[in-house]
Amino acid sequence: MARAIVNDLTGKVFGKITVLEAIPKDPKKNRKYKCLCACGKEFETYAMHIVHNVAKSCGCWKATEFKARVTKHSRAHTKAFDILPPLEKGGFQRSLFGVPLSTS
């Protein structure tokens, strides 16, 4: 399989990442770069992760993305949501393979 040729990425911006400098190649001959995240943290990542948008930040973005994903959905505090029964609002019901368990 042929390897992709990656040009020098120094000084370029990819989303929240600014590429600062190239790091000497590792034994596998994969090019690494020192990058600066929008949050101010410096980190190292592979060139292909930058180019193919695998590395989107230093890791700080994952925490904020996860927090946004687990918060209430956009219908909370709407009239339609307020009239739903508690279990449909995200209430907890114990079940085993879809069969509700008794609470006693």
PDB file of N, CA and C in Angstrom:
ATOM      1  N   MET A   1       0.843  -1.165   0.000  1.00  0.00           N
ATOM      2  CA  MET A   1       0.000   0.000   0.000  1.00  0.00           C
ATOM      3  C   MET A   1       0.896   1.237   0.000  1.00  0.00           C
ATOM      4  N   ALA A   2       0.611   2.153  -0.867  1.00  0.00           N
ATOM      5  CA  ALA A   2       1.419   3.367  -0.979  1.00  0.00           C
ATOM      6  C   ALA A   2       1.101   4.328   0.156  1.00  0.00           C
ATOM      7  N   ARG A   3       2.140   5.035   0.612  1.00  0.00           N
ATOM      8  CA  ARG A   3       1.954   6.016   1.678  1.00  0.00           C
ATOM      9  C   ARG A   3       1.572   7.357   1.056  1.00  0.00           C
ATOM     10  N   ALA A   4       0.704   8.072   1.735  1.00  0.00           N
ATOM     11  CA  ALA A   4       0.329   9.402   1.270  1.00  0.00           C
ATOM     12  C   ALA A   4       1.459  10.376   1.560  1.00  0.00           C
ATOM     13  N   ILE A   5       1.672  11.300   0.680  1.00  0.00           N
ATOM     14  CA  ILE A   5       2.701  12.315   0.872  1.00  0.00           C
ATOM     15  C   ILE A   5       2.052  13.509   1.561  1.00  0.00           C
ATOM     16  N   VAL A   6       2.601  13.893   2.700  1.00  0.00           N
ATOM     17  CA  VAL A   6       2.067  15.013   3.461  1.00  0.00           C
ATOM     18  C   VAL A   6       3.052  16.170   3.361  1.00  0.00           C
ATOM     19  N   ASN A   7       2.557  17.307   2.936  1.00  0.00           N
ATOM     20  CA  ASN A   7       3.394  18.501   2.855  1.00  0.00           C
ATOM     21  C   ASN A   7       3.643  19.033   4.257  1.00  0.00           C
ATOM     22  N   ASP A   8       4.564  19.989   4.360  1.00  0.00           N
ATOM     23  CA  ASP A   8       4.859  20.608   5.647  1.00  0.00           C
ATOM     24  C   ASP A   8       3.632  21.368   6.125  1.00  0.00           C
ATOM     25  N   LEU A   9       3.179  21.065   7.326  1.00  0.00           N
ATOM     26  CA  LEU A   9       1.967  21.670   7.873  1.00  0.00           C
ATOM     27  C   LEU A   9       2.256  22.821   8.828  1.00  0.00           C
ATOM     28  N   THR A  10       3.516  23.146   9.045  1.00  0.00           N
ATOM     29  CA  THR A  10       3.899  24.173  10.012  1.00  0.00           C
ATOM     30  C   THR A  10       3.222  25.501   9.685  1.00  0.00           C
ATOM     31  N   GLY A  11       2.585  26.091  10.703  1.00  0.00           N
ATOM     32  CA  GLY A  11       1.928  27.384  10.557  1.00  0.00           C
ATOM     33  C   GLY A  11       0.486  27.320  10.104  1.00  0.00           C
ATOM     34  N   LYS A  12       0.014  26.153   9.697  1.00  0.00           N
ATOM     35  CA  LYS A  12      -1.365  26.026   9.220  1.00  0.00           C
ATOM     36  C   LYS A  12      -2.316  25.791  10.382  1.00  0.00           C
ATOM     37  N   VAL A  13      -3.577  26.158  10.169  1.00  0.00           N
ATOM     38  CA  VAL A  13      -4.615  26.009  11.191  1.00  0.00           C
ATOM     39  C   VAL A  13      -5.644  25.006  10.689  1.00  0.00           C
ATOM     40  N   PHE A  14      -5.975  24.026  11.526  1.00  0.00           N
ATOM     41  CA  PHE A  14      -6.974  23.008  11.220  1.00  0.00           C
ATOM     42  C   PHE A  14      -7.991  23.005  12.349  1.00  0.00           C
ATOM     43  N   GLY A  15      -9.086  23.714  12.173  1.00  0.00           N
ATOM     44  CA  GLY A  15     -10.103  23.794  13.223  1.00  0.00           C
ATOM     45  C   GLY A  15      -9.565  24.491  14.462  1.00  0.00           C
ATOM     46  N   LYS A  16      -9.459  23.753  15.574  1.00  0.00           N
ATOM     47  CA  LYS A  16      -8.964  24.308  16.834  1.00  0.00           C
ATOM     48  C   LYS A  16      -7.456  24.121  16.999  1.00  0.00           C
ATOM     49  N   ILE A  17      -6.813  23.505  16.000  1.00  0.00           N
ATOM     50  CA  ILE A  17      -5.388  23.172  16.095  1.00  0.00           C
ATOM     51  C   ILE A  17      -4.559  24.110  15.220  1.00  0.00           C
ATOM     52  N   THR A  18      -3.499  24.660  15.792  1.00  0.00           N
ATOM     53  CA  THR A  18      -2.499  25.411  15.036  1.00  0.00           C
ATOM     54  C   THR A  18      -1.200  24.614  15.087  1.00  0.00           C
ATOM     55  N   VAL A  19      -0.646  24.275  13.931  1.00  0.00           N
ATOM     56  CA  VAL A  19       0.575  23.482  13.863  1.00  0.00           C
ATOM     57  C   VAL A  19       1.767  24.400  14.110  1.00  0.00           C
ATOM     58  N   LEU A  20       2.591  24.066  15.119  1.00  0.00           N
ATOM     59  CA  LEU A  20       3.726  24.900  15.487  1.00  0.00           C
ATOM     60  C   LEU A  20       5.017  24.494  14.789  1.00  0.00           C
ATOM     61  N   GLU A  21       5.384  23.208  14.909  1.00  0.00           N
ATOM     62  CA  GLU A  21       6.655  22.767  14.325  1.00  0.00           C
ATOM     63  C   GLU A  21       6.646  21.264  14.114  1.00  0.00           C
ATOM     64  N   ALA A  22       7.505  20.828  13.190  1.00  0.00           N
ATOM     65  CA  ALA A  22       7.676  19.400  12.933  1.00  0.00           C
ATOM     66  C   ALA A  22       8.601  18.813  13.983  1.00  0.00           C
ATOM     67  N   ILE A  23       8.344  17.576  14.339  1.00  0.00           N
ATOM     68  CA  ILE A  23       9.166  16.836  15.296  1.00  0.00           C
ATOM     69  C   ILE A  23       9.915  15.773  14.492  1.00  0.00           C
ATOM     70  N   PRO A  24      11.170  15.486  14.824  1.00  0.00           N
ATOM     71  CA  PRO A  24      11.888  14.437  14.085  1.00  0.00           C
ATOM     72  C   PRO A  24      11.076  13.143  14.023  1.00  0.00           C
ATOM     73  N   LYS A  25      11.198  12.470  12.874  1.00  0.00           N
ATOM     74  CA  LYS A  25      10.410  11.255  12.646  1.00  0.00           C
ATOM     75  C   LYS A  25      10.724  10.179  13.679  1.00  0.00           C
ATOM     76  N   ASP A  26       9.705   9.394  14.014  1.00  0.00           N
ATOM     77  CA  ASP A  26       9.897   8.268  14.926  1.00  0.00           C
ATOM     78  C   ASP A  26      10.349   7.045  14.117  1.00  0.00           C
ATOM     79  N   PRO A  27      10.673   5.944  14.770  1.00  0.00           N
ATOM     80  CA  PRO A  27      11.174   4.762  14.044  1.00  0.00           C
ATOM     81  C   PRO A  27      10.203   4.243  12.976  1.00  0.00           C
ATOM     82  N   LYS A  28       8.915   4.463  13.136  1.00  0.00           N
ATOM     83  CA  LYS A  28       7.946   4.002  12.136  1.00  0.00           C
ATOM     84  C   LYS A  28       7.901   4.937  10.928  1.00  0.00           C
ATOM     85  N   LYS A  29       8.619   6.038  11.013  1.00  0.00           N
ATOM     86  CA  LYS A  29       8.699   7.040   9.957  1.00  0.00           C
ATOM     87  C   LYS A  29       7.383   7.775   9.739  1.00  0.00           C
ATOM     88  N   ASN A  30       6.600   7.893  10.770  1.00  0.00           N
ATOM     89  CA  ASN A  30       5.394   8.706  10.708  1.00  0.00           C
ATOM     90  C   ASN A  30       5.737  10.106  11.182  1.00  0.00           C
ATOM     91  N   ARG A  31       5.361  11.105  10.419  1.00  0.00           N
ATOM     92  CA  ARG A  31       5.691  12.491  10.759  1.00  0.00           C
ATOM     93  C   ARG A  31       4.788  12.976  11.898  1.00  0.00           C
ATOM     94  N   LYS A  32       5.410  13.590  12.910  1.00  0.00           N
ATOM     95  CA  LYS A  32       4.682  14.164  14.038  1.00  0.00           C
ATOM     96  C   LYS A  32       4.884  15.664  14.060  1.00  0.00           C
ATOM     97  N   TYR A  33       3.911  16.351  14.646  1.00  0.00           N
ATOM     98  CA  TYR A  33       3.986  17.797  14.774  1.00  0.00           C
ATOM     99  C   TYR A  33       3.634  18.212  16.191  1.00  0.00           C
ATOM    100  N   LYS A  34       4.254  19.310  16.627  1.00  0.00           N
ATOM    101  CA  LYS A  34       3.871  19.946  17.882  1.00  0.00           C
ATOM    102  C   LYS A  34       2.785  20.953  17.521  1.00  0.00           C
ATOM    103  N   CYS A  35       1.657  20.882  18.222  1.00  0.00           N
ATOM    104  CA  CYS A  35       0.513  21.717  17.898  1.00  0.00           C
ATOM    105  C   CYS A  35       0.071  22.523  19.110  1.00  0.00           C
ATOM    106  N   LEU A  36      -0.672  23.574  18.847  1.00  0.00           N
ATOM    107  CA  LEU A  36      -1.242  24.419  19.891  1.00  0.00           C
ATOM    108  C   LEU A  36      -2.759  24.369  19.737  1.00  0.00           C
ATOM    109  N   CYS A  37      -3.425  24.010  20.824  1.00  0.00           N
ATOM    110  CA  CYS A  37      -4.883  23.935  20.824  1.00  0.00           C
ATOM    111  C   CYS A  37      -5.465  25.327  21.093  1.00  0.00           C
ATOM    112  N   ALA A  38      -6.720  25.521  20.764  1.00  0.00           N
ATOM    113  CA  ALA A  38      -7.388  26.798  21.013  1.00  0.00           C
ATOM    114  C   ALA A  38      -7.471  27.106  22.507  1.00  0.00           C
ATOM    115  N   CYS A  39      -7.412  26.078  23.362  1.00  0.00           N
ATOM    116  CA  CYS A  39      -7.473  26.288  24.812  1.00  0.00           C
ATOM    117  C   CYS A  39      -6.119  26.742  25.369  1.00  0.00           C
ATOM    118  N   GLY A  40      -5.048  26.668  24.551  1.00  0.00           N
ATOM    119  CA  GLY A  40      -3.724  27.124  24.972  1.00  0.00           C
ATOM    120  C   GLY A  40      -2.749  26.010  25.303  1.00  0.00           C
ATOM    121  N   LYS A  41      -3.186  24.761  25.255  1.00  0.00           N
ATOM    122  CA  LYS A  41      -2.322  23.632  25.591  1.00  0.00           C
ATOM    123  C   LYS A  41      -1.550  23.165  24.354  1.00  0.00           C
ATOM    124  N   GLU A  42      -0.270  22.866  24.531  1.00  0.00           N
ATOM    125  CA  GLU A  42       0.544  22.307  23.454  1.00  0.00           C
ATOM    126  C   GLU A  42       0.498  20.783  23.543  1.00  0.00           C
ATOM    127  N   PHE A  43       0.456  20.129  22.392  1.00  0.00           N
ATOM    128  CA  PHE A  43       0.440  18.669  22.347  1.00  0.00           C
ATOM    129  C   PHE A  43       1.064  18.206  21.039  1.00  0.00           C
ATOM    130  N   GLU A  44       1.390  16.913  20.979  1.00  0.00           N
ATOM    131  CA  GLU A  44       1.983  16.319  19.787  1.00  0.00           C
ATOM    132  C   GLU A  44       0.992  15.352  19.164  1.00  0.00           C
ATOM    133  N   THR A  45       0.954  15.327  17.837  1.00  0.00           N
ATOM    134  CA  THR A  45       0.094  14.385  17.137  1.00  0.00           C
ATOM    135  C   THR A  45       0.684  14.094  15.760  1.00  0.00           C
ATOM    136  N   TYR A  46       0.208  13.032  15.147  1.00  0.00           N
ATOM    137  CA  TYR A  46       0.690  12.634  13.835  1.00  0.00           C
ATOM    138  C   TYR A  46       0.080  13.510  12.745  1.00  0.00           C
ATOM    139  N   ALA A  47       0.833  13.689  11.670  1.00  0.00           N
ATOM    140  CA  ALA A  47       0.388  14.524  10.554  1.00  0.00           C
ATOM    141  C   ALA A  47      -0.910  13.997   9.949  1.00  0.00           C
ATOM    142  N   MET A  48      -1.009  12.700   9.792  1.00  0.00           N
ATOM    143  CA  MET A  48      -2.205  12.130   9.173  1.00  0.00           C
ATOM    144  C   MET A  48      -3.439  12.335  10.056  1.00  0.00           C
ATOM    145  N   HIS A  49      -3.255  12.388  11.364  1.00  0.00           N
ATOM    146  CA  HIS A  49      -4.391  12.650  12.255  1.00  0.00           C
ATOM    147  C   HIS A  49      -4.877  14.085  12.088  1.00  0.00           C
ATOM    148  N   ILE A  50      -3.963  14.991  11.805  1.00  0.00           N
ATOM    149  CA  ILE A  50      -4.336  16.388  11.593  1.00  0.00           C
ATOM    150  C   ILE A  50      -5.051  16.534  10.253  1.00  0.00           C
ATOM    151  N   VAL A  51      -4.445  15.987   9.210  1.00  0.00           N
ATOM    152  CA  VAL A  51      -4.968  16.149   7.853  1.00  0.00           C
ATOM    153  C   VAL A  51      -6.338  15.492   7.696  1.00  0.00           C
ATOM    154  N   HIS A  52      -6.529  14.331   8.300  1.00  0.00           N
ATOM    155  CA  HIS A  52      -7.787  13.603   8.156  1.00  0.00           C
ATOM    156  C   HIS A  52      -8.786  13.917   9.274  1.00  0.00           C
ATOM    157  N   ASN A  53      -8.535  14.977  10.039  1.00  0.00           N
ATOM    158  CA  ASN A  53      -9.445  15.487  11.061  1.00  0.00           C
ATOM    159  C   ASN A  53      -9.740  14.470  12.167  1.00  0.00           C
ATOM    160  N   VAL A  54      -8.774  13.608  12.468  1.00  0.00           N
ATOM    161  CA  VAL A  54      -8.910  12.694  13.596  1.00  0.00           C
ATOM    162  C   VAL A  54      -8.590  13.437  14.885  1.00  0.00           C
ATOM    163  N   ALA A  55      -7.518  14.228  14.853  1.00  0.00           N
ATOM    164  CA  ALA A  55      -7.152  15.057  15.998  1.00  0.00           C
ATOM    165  C   ALA A  55      -7.847  16.400  15.828  1.00  0.00           C
ATOM    166  N   LYS A  56      -8.872  16.641  16.636  1.00  0.00           N
ATOM    167  CA  LYS A  56      -9.634  17.882  16.524  1.00  0.00           C
ATOM    168  C   LYS A  56      -9.208  18.903  17.566  1.00  0.00           C
ATOM    169  N   SER A  57      -8.573  18.424  18.636  1.00  0.00           N
ATOM    170  CA  SER A  57      -8.083  19.300  19.702  1.00  0.00           C
ATOM    171  C   SER A  57      -7.119  18.494  20.560  1.00  0.00           C
ATOM    172  N   CYS A  58      -6.661  19.100  21.660  1.00  0.00           N
ATOM    173  CA  CYS A  58      -5.753  18.402  22.574  1.00  0.00           C
ATOM    174  C   CYS A  58      -6.496  17.364  23.418  1.00  0.00           C
ATOM    175  N   GLY A  59      -7.781  17.381  23.362  1.00  0.00           N
ATOM    176  CA  GLY A  59      -8.606  16.493  24.176  1.00  0.00           C
ATOM    177  C   GLY A  59      -9.637  17.285  24.960  1.00  0.00           C
ATOM    178  N   CYS A  60      -9.452  18.593  25.020  1.00  0.00           N
ATOM    179  CA  CYS A  60     -10.386  19.437  25.763  1.00  0.00           C
ATOM    180  C   CYS A  60     -11.748  19.461  25.086  1.00  0.00           C
ATOM    181  N   TRP A  61     -11.774  19.331  23.777  1.00  0.00           N
ATOM    182  CA  TRP A  61     -13.030  19.393  23.046  1.00  0.00           C
ATOM    183  C   TRP A  61     -13.894  18.171  23.318  1.00  0.00           C
ATOM    184  N   LYS A  62     -13.277  17.014  23.566  1.00  0.00           N
ATOM    185  CA  LYS A  62     -14.040  15.805  23.870  1.00  0.00           C
ATOM    186  C   LYS A  62     -14.886  15.988  25.113  1.00  0.00           C
ATOM    187  N   ALA A  63     -14.329  16.630  26.140  1.00  0.00           N
ATOM    188  CA  ALA A  63     -15.059  16.840  27.385  1.00  0.00           C
ATOM    189  C   ALA A  63     -16.272  17.731  27.164  1.00  0.00           C
ATOM    190  N   THR A  64     -16.108  18.800  26.410  1.00  0.00           N
ATOM    191  CA  THR A  64     -17.242  19.693  26.173  1.00  0.00           C
ATOM    192  C   THR A  64     -18.262  19.044  25.249  1.00  0.00           C
ATOM    193  N   GLU A  65     -17.794  18.268  24.278  1.00  0.00           N
ATOM    194  CA  GLU A  65     -18.715  17.568  23.382  1.00  0.00           C
ATOM    195  C   GLU A  65     -19.518  16.531  24.152  1.00  0.00           C
ATOM    196  N   PHE A  66     -18.861  15.792  25.050  1.00  0.00           N
ATOM    197  CA  PHE A  66     -19.547  14.787  25.850  1.00  0.00           C
ATOM    198  C   PHE A  66     -20.583  15.447  26.753  1.00  0.00           C
ATOM    199  N   LYS A  67     -20.226  16.548  27.376  1.00  0.00           N
ATOM    200  CA  LYS A  67     -21.156  17.251  28.260  1.00  0.00           C
ATOM    201  C   LYS A  67     -22.390  17.709  27.494  1.00  0.00           C
ATOM    202  N   ALA A  68     -22.197  18.205  26.290  1.00  0.00           N
ATOM    203  CA  ALA A  68     -23.326  18.643  25.482  1.00  0.00           C
ATOM    204  C   ALA A  68     -24.207  17.462  25.077  1.00  0.00           C
ATOM    205  N   ARG A  69     -23.586  16.302  24.864  1.00  0.00           N
ATOM    206  CA  ARG A  69     -24.332  15.131  24.435  1.00  0.00           C
ATOM    207  C   ARG A  69     -25.188  14.539  25.548  1.00  0.00           C
ATOM    208  N   VAL A  70     -24.727  14.627  26.792  1.00  0.00           N
ATOM    209  CA  VAL A  70     -25.462  13.988  27.887  1.00  0.00           C
ATOM    210  C   VAL A  70     -26.420  14.938  28.597  1.00  0.00           C
ATOM    211  N   THR A  71     -26.447  16.202  28.218  1.00  0.00           N
ATOM    212  CA  THR A  71     -27.408  17.114  28.830  1.00  0.00           C
ATOM    213  C   THR A  71     -28.781  16.882  28.220  1.00  0.00           C
ATOM    214  N   LYS A  72     -29.777  17.514  28.786  1.00  0.00           N
ATOM    215  CA  LYS A  72     -31.152  17.332  28.316  1.00  0.00           C
ATOM    216  C   LYS A  72     -31.274  17.712  26.852  1.00  0.00           C
ATOM    217  N   HIS A  73     -32.207  17.068  26.196  1.00  0.00           N
ATOM    218  CA  HIS A  73     -32.418  17.363  24.788  1.00  0.00           C
ATOM    219  C   HIS A  73     -33.118  18.707  24.631  1.00  0.00           C
ATOM    220  N   SER A  74     -33.252  19.138  23.428  1.00  0.00           N
ATOM    221  CA  SER A  74     -33.750  20.488  23.166  1.00  0.00           C
ATOM    222  C   SER A  74     -35.235  20.654  23.451  1.00  0.00           C
ATOM    223  N   ARG A  75     -35.985  19.557  23.648  1.00  0.00           N
ATOM    224  CA  ARG A  75     -37.416  19.702  23.903  1.00  0.00           C
ATOM    225  C   ARG A  75     -37.743  19.935  25.372  1.00  0.00           C
ATOM    226  N   ALA A  76     -36.770  19.833  26.250  1.00  0.00           N
ATOM    227  CA  ALA A  76     -37.041  20.084  27.668  1.00  0.00           C
ATOM    228  C   ALA A  76     -37.550  21.515  27.817  1.00  0.00           C
ATOM    229  N   HIS A  77     -38.414  21.749  28.728  1.00  0.00           N
ATOM    230  CA  HIS A  77     -39.017  23.062  28.999  1.00  0.00           C
ATOM    231  C   HIS A  77     -39.941  23.534  27.885  1.00  0.00           C
ATOM    232  N   THR A  78     -40.491  22.621  27.103  1.00  0.00           N
ATOM    233  CA  THR A  78     -41.520  22.986  26.135  1.00  0.00           C
ATOM    234  C   THR A  78     -42.841  22.437  26.634  1.00  0.00           C
ATOM    235  N   LYS A  79     -43.930  22.984  26.148  1.00  0.00           N
ATOM    236  CA  LYS A  79     -45.252  22.566  26.609  1.00  0.00           C
ATOM    237  C   LYS A  79     -45.482  21.079  26.317  1.00  0.00           C
ATOM    238  N   ALA A  80     -45.064  20.628  25.146  1.00  0.00           N
ATOM    239  CA  ALA A  80     -45.249  19.221  24.778  1.00  0.00           C
ATOM    240  C   ALA A  80     -44.467  18.304  25.717  1.00  0.00           C
ATOM    241  N   PHE A  81     -43.292  18.697  26.128  1.00  0.00           N
ATOM    242  CA  PHE A  81     -42.479  17.876  27.010  1.00  0.00           C
ATOM    243  C   PHE A  81     -43.051  17.857  28.426  1.00  0.00           C
ATOM    244  N   ASP A  82     -43.587  18.977  28.879  1.00  0.00           N
ATOM    245  CA  ASP A  82     -44.100  19.062  30.244  1.00  0.00           C
ATOM    246  C   ASP A  82     -45.316  18.179  30.491  1.00  0.00           C
ATOM    247  N   ILE A  83     -46.082  17.824  29.443  1.00  0.00           N
ATOM    248  CA  ILE A  83     -47.271  17.002  29.659  1.00  0.00           C
ATOM    249  C   ILE A  83     -46.984  15.505  29.533  1.00  0.00           C
ATOM    250  N   LEU A  84     -45.746  15.121  29.190  1.00  0.00           N
ATOM    251  CA  LEU A  84     -45.397  13.705  29.079  1.00  0.00           C
ATOM    252  C   LEU A  84     -45.348  13.047  30.452  1.00  0.00           C
ATOM    253  N   PRO A  85     -45.680  11.746  30.527  1.00  0.00           N
ATOM    254  CA  PRO A  85     -45.531  11.016  31.793  1.00  0.00           C
ATOM    255  C   PRO A  85     -44.061  10.968  32.203  1.00  0.00           C
ATOM    256  N   PRO A  86     -43.763  10.783  33.490  1.00  0.00           N
ATOM    257  CA  PRO A  86     -42.380  10.824  33.980  1.00  0.00           C
ATOM    258  C   PRO A  86     -41.416   9.877  33.267  1.00  0.00           C
ATOM    259  N   LEU A  87     -41.832   8.650  32.923  1.00  0.00           N
ATOM    260  CA  LEU A  87     -40.894   7.717  32.286  1.00  0.00           C
ATOM    261  C   LEU A  87     -40.500   8.172  30.895  1.00  0.00           C
ATOM    262  N   GLU A  88     -41.381   8.841  30.181  1.00  0.00           N
ATOM    263  CA  GLU A  88     -41.046   9.327  28.855  1.00  0.00           C
ATOM    264  C   GLU A  88     -40.151  10.561  28.938  1.00  0.00           C
ATOM    265  N   LYS A  89     -40.103  11.217  30.093  1.00  0.00           N
ATOM    266  CA  LYS A  89     -39.233  12.371  30.282  1.00  0.00           C
ATOM    267  C   LYS A  89     -37.807  11.951  30.620  1.00  0.00           C
ATOM    268  N   GLY A  90     -37.540  10.670  30.658  1.00  0.00           N
ATOM    269  CA  GLY A  90     -36.194  10.219  30.973  1.00  0.00           C
ATOM    270  C   GLY A  90     -36.100   9.655  32.374  1.00  0.00           C
ATOM    271  N   GLY A  91     -37.245   9.371  32.993  1.00  0.00           N
ATOM    272  CA  GLY A  91     -37.249   8.782  34.324  1.00  0.00           C
ATOM    273  C   GLY A  91     -36.634   7.397  34.298  1.00  0.00           C
ATOM    274  N   PHE A  92     -36.251   6.885  35.447  1.00  0.00           N
ATOM    275  CA  PHE A  92     -35.548   5.618  35.528  1.00  0.00           C
ATOM    276  C   PHE A  92     -36.528   4.492  35.827  1.00  0.00           C
ATOM    277  N   GLN A  93     -36.484   3.435  35.035  1.00  0.00           N
ATOM    278  CA  GLN A  93     -37.290   2.252  35.283  1.00  0.00           C
ATOM    279  C   GLN A  93     -36.376   1.045  35.168  1.00  0.00           C
ATOM    280  N   ARG A  94     -36.371   0.204  36.187  1.00  0.00           N
ATOM    281  CA  ARG A  94     -35.532  -0.991  36.147  1.00  0.00           C
ATOM    282  C   ARG A  94     -36.186  -2.033  35.268  1.00  0.00           C
ATOM    283  N   SER A  95     -35.405  -2.651  34.392  1.00  0.00           N
ATOM    284  CA  SER A  95     -35.935  -3.694  33.541  1.00  0.00           C
ATOM    285  C   SER A  95     -34.836  -4.703  33.240  1.00  0.00           C
ATOM    286  N   LEU A  96     -35.267  -5.903  32.878  1.00  0.00           N
ATOM    287  CA  LEU A  96     -34.360  -6.968  32.495  1.00  0.00           C
ATOM    288  C   LEU A  96     -34.815  -7.465  31.133  1.00  0.00           C
ATOM    289  N   PHE A  97     -34.023  -7.255  30.109  1.00  0.00           N
ATOM    290  CA  PHE A  97     -34.359  -7.625  28.736  1.00  0.00           C
ATOM    291  C   PHE A  97     -35.687  -7.023  28.301  1.00  0.00           C
ATOM    292  N   GLY A  98     -35.949  -5.785  28.702  1.00  0.00           N
ATOM    293  CA  GLY A  98     -37.151  -5.084  28.283  1.00  0.00           C
ATOM    294  C   GLY A  98     -38.377  -5.364  29.129  1.00  0.00           C
ATOM    295  N   VAL A  99     -38.266  -6.312  30.104  1.00  0.00           N
ATOM    296  CA  VAL A  99     -39.396  -6.633  30.980  1.00  0.00           C
ATOM    297  C   VAL A  99     -39.223  -5.846  32.281  1.00  0.00           C
ATOM    298  N   PRO A 100     -40.221  -4.968  32.622  1.00  0.00           N
ATOM    299  CA  PRO A 100     -40.076  -4.166  33.847  1.00  0.00           C
ATOM    300  C   PRO A 100     -39.981  -5.041  35.083  1.00  0.00           C
ATOM    301  N   LEU A 101     -39.104  -4.677  35.995  1.00  0.00           N
ATOM    302  CA  LEU A 101     -38.966  -5.360  37.269  1.00  0.00           C
ATOM    303  C   LEU A 101     -39.824  -4.648  38.304  1.00  0.00           C
ATOM    304  N   SER A 102     -40.351  -5.412  39.247  1.00  0.00           N
ATOM    305  CA  SER A 102     -41.167  -4.785  40.294  1.00  0.00           C
ATOM    306  C   SER A 102     -40.259  -3.965  41.201  1.00  0.00           C
ATOM    307  N   THR A 103     -40.803  -2.882  41.753  1.00  0.00           N
ATOM    308  CA  THR A 103     -40.003  -2.005  42.601  1.00  0.00           C
ATOM    309  C   THR A 103     -40.006  -2.454  44.054  1.00  0.00           C
ATOM    310  N   SER A 104     -40.756  -3.495  44.392  1.00  0.00           N
ATOM    311  CA  SER A 104     -40.786  -3.958  45.777  1.00  0.00           C
ATOM    312  C   SER A 104     -39.733  -4.979  46.076  1.00  0.00           C
TER     313      SER A 104
END
